[in-house]
């Protein structure tokens, strides 16, 4: 249900190539760092979103989604489930086309709100696992 194959394919191939990665910092030990690298290798532009606003993988970071001065297509969420719903609401507010909650990030109320807003959403999945399967 939260990782419908057709929705996964749509987000990865049709909804745009600019991905805001919330929780991405310069810490190479964190999962977000590796996943962002995979997204780049598959042609996605990553935008780090972290309170430190660090440059990661050559891309300027921003402290919040609202601070990004250009449109983002997908918001990829690497924060804990308790914080993820607020990030999903911000994704809707900034006009993203889709929200992606990483493995272990689950918020059913956020799922409902995102879908009611008309955005595509995947939850408890990893694009670095899913994108190679498309080829």
Protein backbone atom coordinates (compact mmCIF):
# COMPACT_ATOMS: atom_id res chain seq x y z
CA UNK A 1 0.00 0.00 0.00
CA UNK A 2 2.70 2.52 0.99
CA UNK A 3 5.04 1.41 -1.77
CA UNK A 4 2.77 0.80 -4.73
CA UNK A 5 5.04 -0.09 -7.69
CA UNK A 6 3.23 2.23 -10.10
CA UNK A 7 3.58 5.18 -7.69
CA UNK A 8 7.26 4.38 -7.14
CA UNK A 9 7.82 4.32 -10.91
CA UNK A 10 5.87 7.55 -11.40
CA UNK A 11 7.85 9.44 -8.75
CA UNK A 12 11.19 8.16 -10.01
CA UNK A 13 10.55 8.65 -13.73
CA UNK A 14 7.80 11.21 -14.32
CA UNK A 15 7.45 13.78 -11.55
CA UNK A 16 10.76 15.61 -11.94
CA UNK A 17 14.42 15.40 -11.13
CA UNK A 18 14.90 17.92 -8.30
CA UNK A 19 14.87 16.11 -4.96
CA UNK A 20 15.01 17.95 -1.64
CA UNK A 21 16.62 15.48 0.78
CA UNK A 22 15.51 16.45 4.29
CA UNK A 23 18.04 15.37 6.89
CA UNK A 24 20.98 15.32 4.47
CA UNK A 25 24.20 16.61 6.01
CA UNK A 26 27.89 16.19 5.35
CA UNK A 27 28.02 13.16 7.66
CA UNK A 28 29.09 10.37 5.30
CA UNK A 29 28.06 7.72 7.85
CA UNK A 30 24.37 8.62 7.56
CA UNK A 31 22.07 6.80 5.16
CA UNK A 32 20.91 10.07 3.60
CA UNK A 33 24.43 10.75 2.35
CA UNK A 34 24.66 7.47 0.46
CA UNK A 35 21.13 7.62 -0.91
CA UNK A 36 21.67 11.17 -2.18
CA UNK A 37 24.77 9.96 -4.01
CA UNK A 38 22.77 7.20 -5.69
CA UNK A 39 20.08 9.68 -6.72
CA UNK A 40 22.75 11.88 -8.30
CA UNK A 41 24.21 8.94 -10.21
CA UNK A 42 20.75 8.37 -11.68
CA UNK A 43 20.47 11.96 -12.86
CA UNK A 44 18.57 13.55 -9.98
CA UNK A 45 19.53 16.94 -8.62
CA UNK A 46 19.67 16.68 -4.86
CA UNK A 47 19.06 19.63 -2.54
CA UNK A 48 20.32 19.11 1.02
CA UNK A 49 17.86 20.29 3.68
CA UNK A 50 19.31 20.38 7.17
CA UNK A 51 19.52 23.01 9.92
CA UNK A 52 23.29 23.27 9.26
CA UNK A 53 22.59 24.09 5.56
CA UNK A 54 25.80 22.36 4.48
CA UNK A 55 26.95 21.84 0.91
CA UNK A 56 26.75 18.11 0.23
CA UNK A 57 27.70 16.24 -2.96
CA UNK A 58 28.46 19.64 -4.51
CA UNK A 59 24.96 21.01 -3.89
CA UNK A 60 24.17 24.02 -1.69
CA UNK A 61 22.17 23.14 1.42
CA UNK A 62 19.23 25.01 2.92
CA UNK A 63 17.92 25.07 6.49
CA UNK A 64 14.32 24.29 5.48
CA UNK A 65 12.15 23.51 2.48
CA UNK A 66 10.75 27.05 2.58
CA UNK A 67 14.27 28.48 2.24
CA UNK A 68 14.91 26.77 -1.13
CA UNK A 69 14.63 29.55 -3.75
CA UNK A 70 13.49 27.29 -6.61
CA UNK A 71 10.86 24.58 -7.08
CA UNK A 72 11.50 21.05 -5.88
CA UNK A 73 9.75 18.06 -7.36
CA UNK A 74 10.16 15.41 -4.67
CA UNK A 75 10.77 15.74 -0.93
CA UNK A 76 12.73 12.75 0.38
CA UNK A 77 12.41 12.54 4.17
CA UNK A 78 15.19 11.16 6.39
CA UNK A 79 13.89 12.36 9.76
CA UNK A 80 12.19 10.27 12.42
CA UNK A 81 8.52 9.42 12.11
CA UNK A 82 7.53 11.93 14.80
CA UNK A 83 8.92 14.81 12.70
CA UNK A 84 8.02 13.46 9.27
CA UNK A 85 4.40 14.63 9.25
CA UNK A 86 5.44 18.25 9.62
CA UNK A 87 7.91 17.86 6.76
CA UNK A 88 5.16 16.34 4.60
CA UNK A 89 2.96 19.35 5.33
CA UNK A 90 5.83 21.67 4.35
CA UNK A 91 6.27 19.70 1.11
CA UNK A 92 2.63 20.35 0.25
CA UNK A 93 3.02 24.03 1.17
CA UNK A 94 6.05 24.57 -1.10
CA UNK A 95 4.33 22.92 -4.07
CA UNK A 96 6.26 19.66 -4.31
CA UNK A 97 4.80 17.00 -6.57
CA UNK A 98 5.62 14.03 -4.33
CA UNK A 99 6.77 13.01 -0.87
CA UNK A 100 8.99 10.03 -0.15
CA UNK A 101 9.40 8.71 3.41
CA UNK A 102 12.51 6.57 3.82
CA UNK A 103 12.73 3.08 5.28
CA UNK A 104 11.39 3.09 8.83
CA UNK A 105 9.65 6.45 8.46
CA UNK A 106 5.91 5.92 8.84
CA UNK A 107 3.14 8.41 9.60
CA UNK A 108 -0.29 7.28 8.45
CA UNK A 109 -1.93 10.63 9.22
CA UNK A 110 0.65 12.38 7.02
CA UNK A 111 -0.02 9.79 4.31
CA UNK A 112 -3.70 10.74 4.38
CA UNK A 113 -2.99 14.49 4.31
CA UNK A 114 -0.52 14.24 1.43
CA UNK A 115 -2.94 12.17 -0.66
CA UNK A 116 -5.82 14.52 0.14
CA UNK A 117 -3.61 17.33 -1.21
CA UNK A 118 -3.23 15.45 -4.50
CA UNK A 119 0.47 14.59 -4.19
CA UNK A 120 2.00 11.19 -4.84
CA UNK A 121 3.61 9.54 -1.82
CA UNK A 122 5.72 6.53 -0.97
CA UNK A 123 6.39 5.55 2.62
CA UNK A 124 8.83 3.14 4.28
CA UNK A 125 10.82 2.60 1.06
CA UNK A 126 14.22 3.71 -0.24
CA UNK A 127 14.72 5.21 -3.71
CA UNK A 128 18.30 3.91 -3.79
CA UNK A 129 16.84 0.40 -3.66
CA UNK A 130 13.96 1.10 -6.02
CA UNK A 131 15.61 3.14 -8.80
CA UNK A 132 17.99 0.40 -10.03
CA UNK A 133 14.99 -1.91 -10.41
CA UNK A 134 13.52 0.39 -13.04
CA UNK A 135 16.31 -0.19 -15.55
